[in-house]
Amino acid sequence: MLNHALTDLDRDADGLATVRLRADGAGVDLWVDEHHRWLQVYTADDTATPRVSVAVEPMTAPPDAFNSGDDLVVLEPGASFAATWGIRAA
């Protein structure tokens, strides 16, 4: 089972980090911009009905960031924040 937050992501020249999920020659890529410094990776193989699946969640801060303050994005009134991620067939 996996249920881990990962950081220090490898990035390409455009600042994008990519997760590649493949099976039998097909798959998907999840890409995240530089604002996503964390990825949460989870598998459901610890449940009563195990599934062969992987969940990858782009995150701008780690779990419990509201308490730790780590990488927390705090907006002043009237400010804005934008981050980008996407999925592409592989």
PDB file of N, CA and C in Angstrom:
ATOM      1  N   MET A   1       0.832  -1.183   0.000  1.00  0.00           N
ATOM      2  CA  MET A   1       0.000   0.000   0.000  1.00  0.00           C
ATOM      3  C   MET A   1       0.874   1.243   0.000  1.00  0.00           C
ATOM      4  N   LEU A   2       0.460   2.229  -0.743  1.00  0.00           N
ATOM      5  CA  LEU A   2       1.095   3.538  -0.729  1.00  0.00           C
ATOM      6  C   LEU A   2       0.094   4.563  -0.231  1.00  0.00           C
ATOM      7  N   ASN A   3       0.550   5.472   0.587  1.00  0.00           N
ATOM      8  CA  ASN A   3      -0.195   6.646   0.994  1.00  0.00           C
ATOM      9  C   ASN A   3       0.841   7.651   1.470  1.00  0.00           C
ATOM     10  N   HIS A   4       1.558   8.216   0.490  1.00  0.00           N
ATOM     11  CA  HIS A   4       2.722   9.037   0.804  1.00  0.00           C
ATOM     12  C   HIS A   4       2.681  10.352   0.043  1.00  0.00           C
ATOM     13  N   ALA A   5       3.164  11.400   0.686  1.00  0.00           N
ATOM     14  CA  ALA A   5       3.372  12.686   0.040  1.00  0.00           C
ATOM     15  C   ALA A   5       4.822  12.737  -0.421  1.00  0.00           C
ATOM     16  N   LEU A   6       5.014  13.118  -1.670  1.00  0.00           N
ATOM     17  CA  LEU A   6       6.347  13.186  -2.245  1.00  0.00           C
ATOM     18  C   LEU A   6       6.655  14.619  -2.641  1.00  0.00           C
ATOM     19  N   THR A   7       7.920  15.023  -2.474  1.00  0.00           N
ATOM     20  CA  THR A   7       8.344  16.371  -2.863  1.00  0.00           C
ATOM     21  C   THR A   7       9.727  16.269  -3.493  1.00  0.00           C
ATOM     22  N   ASP A   8      10.387  17.402  -3.737  1.00  0.00           N
ATOM     23  CA  ASP A   8      11.662  17.434  -4.468  1.00  0.00           C
ATOM     24  C   ASP A   8      11.499  16.747  -5.815  1.00  0.00           C
ATOM     25  N   LEU A   9      10.471  17.133  -6.533  1.00  0.00           N
ATOM     26  CA  LEU A   9      10.121  16.519  -7.809  1.00  0.00           C
ATOM     27  C   LEU A   9      11.120  16.915  -8.892  1.00  0.00           C
ATOM     28  N   ASP A  10      11.469  15.976  -9.754  1.00  0.00           N
ATOM     29  CA  ASP A  10      12.300  16.283 -10.917  1.00  0.00           C
ATOM     30  C   ASP A  10      11.471  17.075 -11.907  1.00  0.00           C
ATOM     31  N   ARG A  11      12.066  18.110 -12.483  1.00  0.00           N
ATOM     32  CA  ARG A  11      11.335  18.989 -13.401  1.00  0.00           C
ATOM     33  C   ARG A  11      12.093  19.143 -14.713  1.00  0.00           C
ATOM     34  N   ASP A  12      11.338  19.408 -15.770  1.00  0.00           N
ATOM     35  CA  ASP A  12      11.963  19.626 -17.067  1.00  0.00           C
ATOM     36  C   ASP A  12      12.354  21.099 -17.214  1.00  0.00           C
ATOM     37  N   ALA A  13      12.824  21.477 -18.390  1.00  0.00           N
ATOM     38  CA  ALA A  13      13.288  22.847 -18.631  1.00  0.00           C
ATOM     39  C   ALA A  13      12.180  23.883 -18.471  1.00  0.00           C
ATOM     40  N   ASP A  14      10.919  23.460 -18.631  1.00  0.00           N
ATOM     41  CA  ASP A  14       9.781  24.375 -18.466  1.00  0.00           C
ATOM     42  C   ASP A  14       9.265  24.418 -17.035  1.00  0.00           C
ATOM     43  N   GLY A  15       9.911  23.687 -16.121  1.00  0.00           N
ATOM     44  CA  GLY A  15       9.486  23.668 -14.726  1.00  0.00           C
ATOM     45  C   GLY A  15       8.394  22.670 -14.420  1.00  0.00           C
ATOM     46  N   LEU A  16       8.052  21.804 -15.376  1.00  0.00           N
ATOM     47  CA  LEU A  16       6.989  20.826 -15.165  1.00  0.00           C
ATOM     48  C   LEU A  16       7.553  19.522 -14.616  1.00  0.00           C
ATOM     49  N   ALA A  17       6.833  18.935 -13.667  1.00  0.00           N
ATOM     50  CA  ALA A  17       7.126  17.588 -13.173  1.00  0.00           C
ATOM     51  C   ALA A  17       6.056  16.678 -13.742  1.00  0.00           C
ATOM     52  N   THR A  18       6.442  15.456 -14.120  1.00  0.00           N
ATOM     53  CA  THR A  18       5.507  14.535 -14.761  1.00  0.00           C
ATOM     54  C   THR A  18       5.535  13.183 -14.069  1.00  0.00           C
ATOM     55  N   VAL A  19       4.338  12.644 -13.810  1.00  0.00           N
ATOM     56  CA  VAL A  19       4.182  11.281 -13.311  1.00  0.00           C
ATOM     57  C   VAL A  19       3.670  10.456 -14.484  1.00  0.00           C
ATOM     58  N   ARG A  20       4.350   9.366 -14.774  1.00  0.00           N
ATOM     59  CA  ARG A  20       3.938   8.487 -15.879  1.00  0.00           C
ATOM     60  C   ARG A  20       3.427   7.175 -15.316  1.00  0.00           C
ATOM     61  N   LEU A  21       2.188   6.844 -15.642  1.00  0.00           N
ATOM     62  CA  LEU A  21       1.589   5.576 -15.247  1.00  0.00           C
ATOM     63  C   LEU A  21       1.368   4.752 -16.506  1.00  0.00           C
ATOM     64  N   ARG A  22       1.960   3.540 -16.538  1.00  0.00           N
ATOM     65  CA  ARG A  22       1.905   2.706 -17.733  1.00  0.00           C
ATOM     66  C   ARG A  22       1.497   1.282 -17.388  1.00  0.00           C
ATOM     67  N   ALA A  23       0.794   0.651 -18.303  1.00  0.00           N
ATOM     68  CA  ALA A  23       0.467  -0.771 -18.204  1.00  0.00           C
ATOM     69  C   ALA A  23       0.235  -1.282 -19.617  1.00  0.00           C
ATOM     70  N   ASP A  24       0.879  -2.366 -19.954  1.00  0.00           N
ATOM     71  CA  ASP A  24       0.687  -2.994 -21.260  1.00  0.00           C
ATOM     72  C   ASP A  24       0.888  -2.024 -22.418  1.00  0.00           C
ATOM     73  N   GLY A  25       1.863  -1.133 -22.306  1.00  0.00           N
ATOM     74  CA  GLY A  25       2.185  -0.220 -23.399  1.00  0.00           C
ATOM     75  C   GLY A  25       1.319   1.017 -23.503  1.00  0.00           C
ATOM     76  N   ALA A  26       0.317   1.163 -22.665  1.00  0.00           N
ATOM     77  CA  ALA A  26      -0.549   2.343 -22.686  1.00  0.00           C
ATOM     78  C   ALA A  26      -0.502   3.008 -21.323  1.00  0.00           C
ATOM     79  N   GLY A  27      -0.999   4.243 -21.259  1.00  0.00           N
ATOM     80  CA  GLY A  27      -1.020   4.897 -19.959  1.00  0.00           C
ATOM     81  C   GLY A  27      -1.370   6.364 -20.045  1.00  0.00           C
ATOM     82  N   VAL A  28      -1.106   7.058 -18.974  1.00  0.00           N
ATOM     83  CA  VAL A  28      -1.361   8.493 -18.875  1.00  0.00           C
ATOM     84  C   VAL A  28      -0.181   9.176 -18.201  1.00  0.00           C
ATOM     85  N   ASP A  29      -0.036  10.459 -18.499  1.00  0.00           N
ATOM     86  CA  ASP A  29       0.918  11.317 -17.809  1.00  0.00           C
ATOM     87  C   ASP A  29       0.134  12.358 -17.029  1.00  0.00           C
ATOM     88  N   LEU A  30       0.516  12.609 -15.810  1.00  0.00           N
ATOM     89  CA  LEU A  30       0.002  13.730 -15.016  1.00  0.00           C
ATOM     90  C   LEU A  30       1.153  14.715 -14.916  1.00  0.00           C
ATOM     91  N   TRP A  31       0.950  15.949 -15.369  1.00  0.00           N
ATOM     92  CA  TRP A  31       1.992  16.965 -15.256  1.00  0.00           C
ATOM     93  C   TRP A  31       1.517  18.088 -14.344  1.00  0.00           C
ATOM     94  N   VAL A  32       2.473  18.680 -13.628  1.00  0.00           N
ATOM     95  CA  VAL A  32       2.158  19.756 -12.685  1.00  0.00           C
ATOM     96  C   VAL A  32       3.161  20.890 -12.870  1.00  0.00           C
ATOM     97  N   ASP A  33       2.708  22.120 -12.670  1.00  0.00           N
ATOM     98  CA  ASP A  33       3.606  23.262 -12.781  1.00  0.00           C
ATOM     99  C   ASP A  33       4.424  23.433 -11.501  1.00  0.00           C
ATOM    100  N   GLU A  34       5.250  24.466 -11.478  1.00  0.00           N
ATOM    101  CA  GLU A  34       6.179  24.679 -10.362  1.00  0.00           C
ATOM    102  C   GLU A  34       5.486  25.024  -9.046  1.00  0.00           C
ATOM    103  N   HIS A  35       4.209  25.406  -9.092  1.00  0.00           N
ATOM    104  CA  HIS A  35       3.482  25.701  -7.854  1.00  0.00           C
ATOM    105  C   HIS A  35       3.090  24.437  -7.094  1.00  0.00           C
ATOM    106  N   HIS A  36       3.047  23.333  -7.798  1.00  0.00           N
ATOM    107  CA  HIS A  36       2.751  22.034  -7.166  1.00  0.00           C
ATOM    108  C   HIS A  36       4.087  21.418  -6.746  1.00  0.00           C
ATOM    109  N   ARG A  37       4.437  21.606  -5.503  1.00  0.00           N
ATOM    110  CA  ARG A  37       5.699  21.079  -4.997  1.00  0.00           C
ATOM    111  C   ARG A  37       5.541  19.696  -4.387  1.00  0.00           C
ATOM    112  N   TRP A  38       4.321  19.211  -4.314  1.00  0.00           N
ATOM    113  CA  TRP A  38       4.022  17.933  -3.655  1.00  0.00           C
ATOM    114  C   TRP A  38       3.076  17.094  -4.510  1.00  0.00           C
ATOM    115  N   LEU A  39       3.206  15.779  -4.383  1.00  0.00           N
ATOM    116  CA  LEU A  39       2.259  14.832  -4.951  1.00  0.00           C
ATOM    117  C   LEU A  39       1.878  13.836  -3.868  1.00  0.00           C
ATOM    118  N   GLN A  40       0.597  13.561  -3.737  1.00  0.00           N
ATOM    119  CA  GLN A  40       0.135  12.512  -2.831  1.00  0.00           C
ATOM    120  C   GLN A  40      -0.147  11.284  -3.682  1.00  0.00           C
ATOM    121  N   VAL A  41       0.467  10.151  -3.333  1.00  0.00           N
ATOM    122  CA  VAL A  41       0.293   8.913  -4.091  1.00  0.00           C
ATOM    123  C   VAL A  41      -0.373   7.899  -3.174  1.00  0.00           C
ATOM    124  N   TYR A  42      -1.454   7.286  -3.680  1.00  0.00           N
ATOM    125  CA  TYR A  42      -2.244   6.361  -2.875  1.00  0.00           C
ATOM    126  C   TYR A  42      -2.649   5.152  -3.709  1.00  0.00           C
ATOM    127  N   THR A  43      -2.555   3.980  -3.119  1.00  0.00           N
ATOM    128  CA  THR A  43      -3.111   2.766  -3.715  1.00  0.00           C
ATOM    129  C   THR A  43      -4.135   2.207  -2.751  1.00  0.00           C
ATOM    130  N   ALA A  44      -5.159   1.571  -3.286  1.00  0.00           N
ATOM    131  CA  ALA A  44      -6.267   1.089  -2.463  1.00  0.00           C
ATOM    132  C   ALA A  44      -6.154  -0.393  -2.176  1.00  0.00           C
ATOM    133  N   ASP A  45      -4.949  -0.916  -2.152  1.00  0.00           N
ATOM    134  CA  ASP A  45      -4.810  -2.353  -1.949  1.00  0.00           C
ATOM    135  C   ASP A  45      -4.878  -2.759  -0.476  1.00  0.00           C
ATOM    136  N   ASP A  46      -5.187  -1.820   0.388  1.00  0.00           N
ATOM    137  CA  ASP A  46      -5.324  -2.132   1.809  1.00  0.00           C
ATOM    138  C   ASP A  46      -6.792  -2.201   2.247  1.00  0.00           C
ATOM    139  N   THR A  47      -7.703  -2.116   1.294  1.00  0.00           N
ATOM    140  CA  THR A  47      -9.130  -2.101   1.628  1.00  0.00           C
ATOM    141  C   THR A  47      -9.704  -3.514   1.603  1.00  0.00           C
ATOM    142  N   ALA A  48     -10.916  -3.651   2.108  1.00  0.00           N
ATOM    143  CA  ALA A  48     -11.570  -4.963   2.121  1.00  0.00           C
ATOM    144  C   ALA A  48     -11.781  -5.485   0.701  1.00  0.00           C
ATOM    145  N   THR A  49     -11.954  -4.567  -0.236  1.00  0.00           N
ATOM    146  CA  THR A  49     -12.074  -4.926  -1.647  1.00  0.00           C
ATOM    147  C   THR A  49     -10.918  -4.266  -2.391  1.00  0.00           C
ATOM    148  N   PRO A  50      -9.747  -4.906  -2.406  1.00  0.00           N
ATOM    149  CA  PRO A  50      -8.578  -4.289  -3.049  1.00  0.00           C
ATOM    150  C   PRO A  50      -8.838  -3.984  -4.524  1.00  0.00           C
ATOM    151  N   ARG A  51      -8.297  -2.858  -4.980  1.00  0.00           N
ATOM    152  CA  ARG A  51      -8.409  -2.455  -6.380  1.00  0.00           C
ATOM    153  C   ARG A  51      -7.005  -2.313  -6.949  1.00  0.00           C
ATOM    154  N   VAL A  52      -6.875  -2.612  -8.191  1.00  0.00           N
ATOM    155  CA  VAL A  52      -5.605  -2.404  -8.869  1.00  0.00           C
ATOM    156  C   VAL A  52      -5.658  -1.003  -9.465  1.00  0.00           C
ATOM    157  N   SER A  53      -5.296  -0.024  -8.661  1.00  0.00           N
ATOM    158  CA  SER A  53      -5.360   1.367  -9.104  1.00  0.00           C
ATOM    159  C   SER A  53      -4.360   2.198  -8.324  1.00  0.00           C
ATOM    160  N   VAL A  54      -4.066   3.362  -8.880  1.00  0.00           N
ATOM    161  CA  VAL A  54      -3.173   4.318  -8.239  1.00  0.00           C
ATOM    162  C   VAL A  54      -3.828   5.694  -8.356  1.00  0.00           C
ATOM    163  N   ALA A  55      -3.852   6.434  -7.262  1.00  0.00           N
ATOM    164  CA  ALA A  55      -4.328   7.817  -7.274  1.00  0.00           C
ATOM    165  C   ALA A  55      -3.122   8.718  -7.051  1.00  0.00           C
ATOM    166  N   VAL A  56      -3.002   9.758  -7.880  1.00  0.00           N
ATOM    167  CA  VAL A  56      -1.931  10.738  -7.737  1.00  0.00           C
ATOM    168  C   VAL A  56      -2.589  12.107  -7.677  1.00  0.00           C
ATOM    169  N   GLU A  57      -2.398  12.801  -6.566  1.00  0.00           N
ATOM    170  CA  GLU A  57      -3.039  14.101  -6.347  1.00  0.00           C
ATOM    171  C   GLU A  57      -1.994  15.205  -6.342  1.00  0.00           C
ATOM    172  N   PRO A  58      -2.094  16.179  -7.262  1.00  0.00           N
ATOM    173  CA  PRO A  58      -1.190  17.324  -7.217  1.00  0.00           C
ATOM    174  C   PRO A  58      -1.519  18.206  -6.019  1.00  0.00           C
ATOM    175  N   MET A  59      -0.488  18.639  -5.298  1.00  0.00           N
ATOM    176  CA  MET A  59      -0.707  19.470  -4.111  1.00  0.00           C
ATOM    177  C   MET A  59       0.320  20.609  -4.077  1.00  0.00           C
ATOM    178  N   THR A  60      -0.119  21.775  -3.638  1.00  0.00           N
ATOM    179  CA  THR A  60       0.797  22.907  -3.497  1.00  0.00           C
ATOM    180  C   THR A  60       1.494  22.909  -2.146  1.00  0.00           C
ATOM    181  N   ALA A  61       0.999  22.118  -1.221  1.00  0.00           N
ATOM    182  CA  ALA A  61       1.572  22.038   0.128  1.00  0.00           C
ATOM    183  C   ALA A  61       1.409  20.605   0.639  1.00  0.00           C
ATOM    184  N   PRO A  62       2.195  20.240   1.642  1.00  0.00           N
ATOM    185  CA  PRO A  62       2.102  18.872   2.161  1.00  0.00           C
ATOM    186  C   PRO A  62       0.870  18.689   3.049  1.00  0.00           C
ATOM    187  N   PRO A  63       0.555  17.431   3.375  1.00  0.00           N
ATOM    188  CA  PRO A  63      -0.517  17.203   4.340  1.00  0.00           C
ATOM    189  C   PRO A  63      -0.238  17.962   5.640  1.00  0.00           C
ATOM    190  N   ASP A  64      -1.271  18.431   6.273  1.00  0.00           N
ATOM    191  CA  ASP A  64      -1.201  19.155   7.546  1.00  0.00           C
ATOM    192  C   ASP A  64      -0.537  20.524   7.422  1.00  0.00           C
ATOM    193  N   ALA A  65      -0.503  21.084   6.227  1.00  0.00           N
ATOM    194  CA  ALA A  65       0.134  22.390   6.023  1.00  0.00           C
ATOM    195  C   ALA A  65      -0.564  23.508   6.795  1.00  0.00           C
ATOM    196  N   PHE A  66      -1.865  23.373   7.056  1.00  0.00           N
ATOM    197  CA  PHE A  66      -2.546  24.412   7.831  1.00  0.00           C
ATOM    198  C   PHE A  66      -1.963  24.517   9.236  1.00  0.00           C
ATOM    199  N   ASN A  67      -1.489  23.402   9.772  1.00  0.00           N
ATOM    200  CA  ASN A  67      -0.882  23.426  11.099  1.00  0.00           C
ATOM    201  C   ASN A  67       0.614  23.692  11.052  1.00  0.00           C
ATOM    202  N   SER A  68       1.318  23.084  10.092  1.00  0.00           N
ATOM    203  CA  SER A  68       2.784  23.238  10.038  1.00  0.00           C
ATOM    204  C   SER A  68       3.205  24.536   9.367  1.00  0.00           C
ATOM    205  N   GLY A  69       2.404  25.029   8.428  1.00  0.00           N
ATOM    206  CA  GLY A  69       2.769  26.211   7.662  1.00  0.00           C
ATOM    207  C   GLY A  69       3.719  25.906   6.504  1.00  0.00           C
ATOM    208  N   ASP A  70       4.173  24.662   6.374  1.00  0.00           N
ATOM    209  CA  ASP A  70       5.112  24.289   5.315  1.00  0.00           C
ATOM    210  C   ASP A  70       4.495  24.499   3.934  1.00  0.00           C
ATOM    211  N   ASP A  71       5.156  25.301   3.114  1.00  0.00           N
ATOM    212  CA  ASP A  71       4.740  25.570   1.732  1.00  0.00           C
ATOM    213  C   ASP A  71       3.310  26.081   1.611  1.00  0.00           C
ATOM    214  N   LEU A  72       2.756  26.566   2.691  1.00  0.00           N
ATOM    215  CA  LEU A  72       1.379  27.052   2.681  1.00  0.00           C
ATOM    216  C   LEU A  72       1.295  28.356   1.887  1.00  0.00           C
ATOM    217  N   VAL A  73       0.340  28.447   0.985  1.00  0.00           N
ATOM    218  CA  VAL A  73       0.096  29.668   0.223  1.00  0.00           C
ATOM    219  C   VAL A  73      -0.921  30.489   1.005  1.00  0.00           C
ATOM    220  N   VAL A  74      -0.520  31.668   1.417  1.00  0.00           N
ATOM    221  CA  VAL A  74      -1.397  32.557   2.181  1.00  0.00           C
ATOM    222  C   VAL A  74      -1.686  33.779   1.316  1.00  0.00           C
ATOM    223  N   LEU A  75      -2.962  34.030   1.074  1.00  0.00           N
ATOM    224  CA  LEU A  75      -3.357  35.152   0.235  1.00  0.00           C
ATOM    225  C   LEU A  75      -3.867  36.303   1.082  1.00  0.00           C
ATOM    226  N   GLU A  76      -3.373  37.470   0.784  1.00  0.00           N
ATOM    227  CA  GLU A  76      -3.895  38.679   1.407  1.00  0.00           C
ATOM    228  C   GLU A  76      -5.215  39.039   0.722  1.00  0.00           C
ATOM    229  N   PRO A  77      -6.069  39.811   1.379  1.00  0.00           N
ATOM    230  CA  PRO A  77      -7.341  40.196   0.762  1.00  0.00           C
ATOM    231  C   PRO A  77      -7.118  40.812  -0.617  1.00  0.00           C
ATOM    232  N   GLY A  78      -7.876  40.344  -1.587  1.00  0.00           N
ATOM    233  CA  GLY A  78      -7.781  40.857  -2.956  1.00  0.00           C
ATOM    234  C   GLY A  78      -6.711  40.183  -3.802  1.00  0.00           C
ATOM    235  N   ALA A  79      -5.852  39.378  -3.199  1.00  0.00           N
ATOM    236  CA  ALA A  79      -4.792  38.700  -3.948  1.00  0.00           C
ATOM    237  C   ALA A  79      -5.353  37.457  -4.636  1.00  0.00           C
ATOM    238  N   SER A  80      -4.599  36.934  -5.575  1.00  0.00           N
ATOM    239  CA  SER A  80      -5.016  35.714  -6.255  1.00  0.00           C
ATOM    240  C   SER A  80      -3.826  34.767  -6.406  1.00  0.00           C
ATOM    241  N   PHE A  81      -4.141  33.527  -6.708  1.00  0.00           N
ATOM    242  CA  PHE A  81      -3.125  32.494  -6.893  1.00  0.00           C
ATOM    243  C   PHE A  81      -3.619  31.557  -7.993  1.00  0.00           C
ATOM    244  N   ALA A  82      -2.732  31.157  -8.877  1.00  0.00           N
ATOM    245  CA  ALA A  82      -3.101  30.219  -9.936  1.00  0.00           C
ATOM    246  C   ALA A  82      -2.006  29.168 -10.074  1.00  0.00           C
ATOM    247  N   ALA A  83      -2.425  27.953 -10.240  1.00  0.00           N
ATOM    248  CA  ALA A  83      -1.519  26.842 -10.480  1.00  0.00           C
ATOM    249  C   ALA A  83      -2.147  25.978 -11.577  1.00  0.00           C
ATOM    250  N   THR A  84      -1.302  25.246 -12.311  1.00  0.00           N
ATOM    251  CA  THR A  84      -1.801  24.509 -13.456  1.00  0.00           C
ATOM    252  C   THR A  84      -1.309  23.061 -13.400  1.00  0.00           C
ATOM    253  N   TRP A  85      -2.196  22.146 -13.779  1.00  0.00           N
ATOM    254  CA  TRP A  85      -1.827  20.749 -13.936  1.00  0.00           C
ATOM    255  C   TRP A  85      -2.696  20.170 -15.042  1.00  0.00           C
ATOM    256  N   GLY A  86      -2.290  19.004 -15.528  1.00  0.00           N
ATOM    257  CA  GLY A  86      -3.069  18.390 -16.585  1.00  0.00           C
ATOM    258  C   GLY A  86      -2.760  16.924 -16.740  1.00  0.00           C
ATOM    259  N   ILE A  87      -3.590  16.265 -17.550  1.00  0.00           N
ATOM    260  CA  ILE A  87      -3.438  14.834 -17.831  1.00  0.00           C
ATOM    261  C   ILE A  87      -3.411  14.676 -19.343  1.00  0.00           C
ATOM    262  N   ARG A  88      -2.506  13.827 -19.818  1.00  0.00           N
ATOM    263  CA  ARG A  88      -2.455  13.543 -21.261  1.00  0.00           C
ATOM    264  C   ARG A  88      -2.287  12.041 -21.475  1.00  0.00           C
ATOM    265  N   ALA A  89      -2.870  11.557 -22.547  1.00  0.00           N
ATOM    266  CA  ALA A  89      -2.727  10.145 -22.906  1.00  0.00           C
ATOM    267  C   ALA A  89      -1.295   9.879 -23.319  1.00  0.00           C
ATOM    268  N   ALA A  90      -0.837   8.678 -23.029  1.00  0.00           N
ATOM    269  CA  ALA A  90       0.540   8.330 -23.382  1.00  0.00           C
ATOM    270  C   ALA A  90       0.564   7.076 -24.214  1.00  0.00           C
TER     271      ALA A  90
END
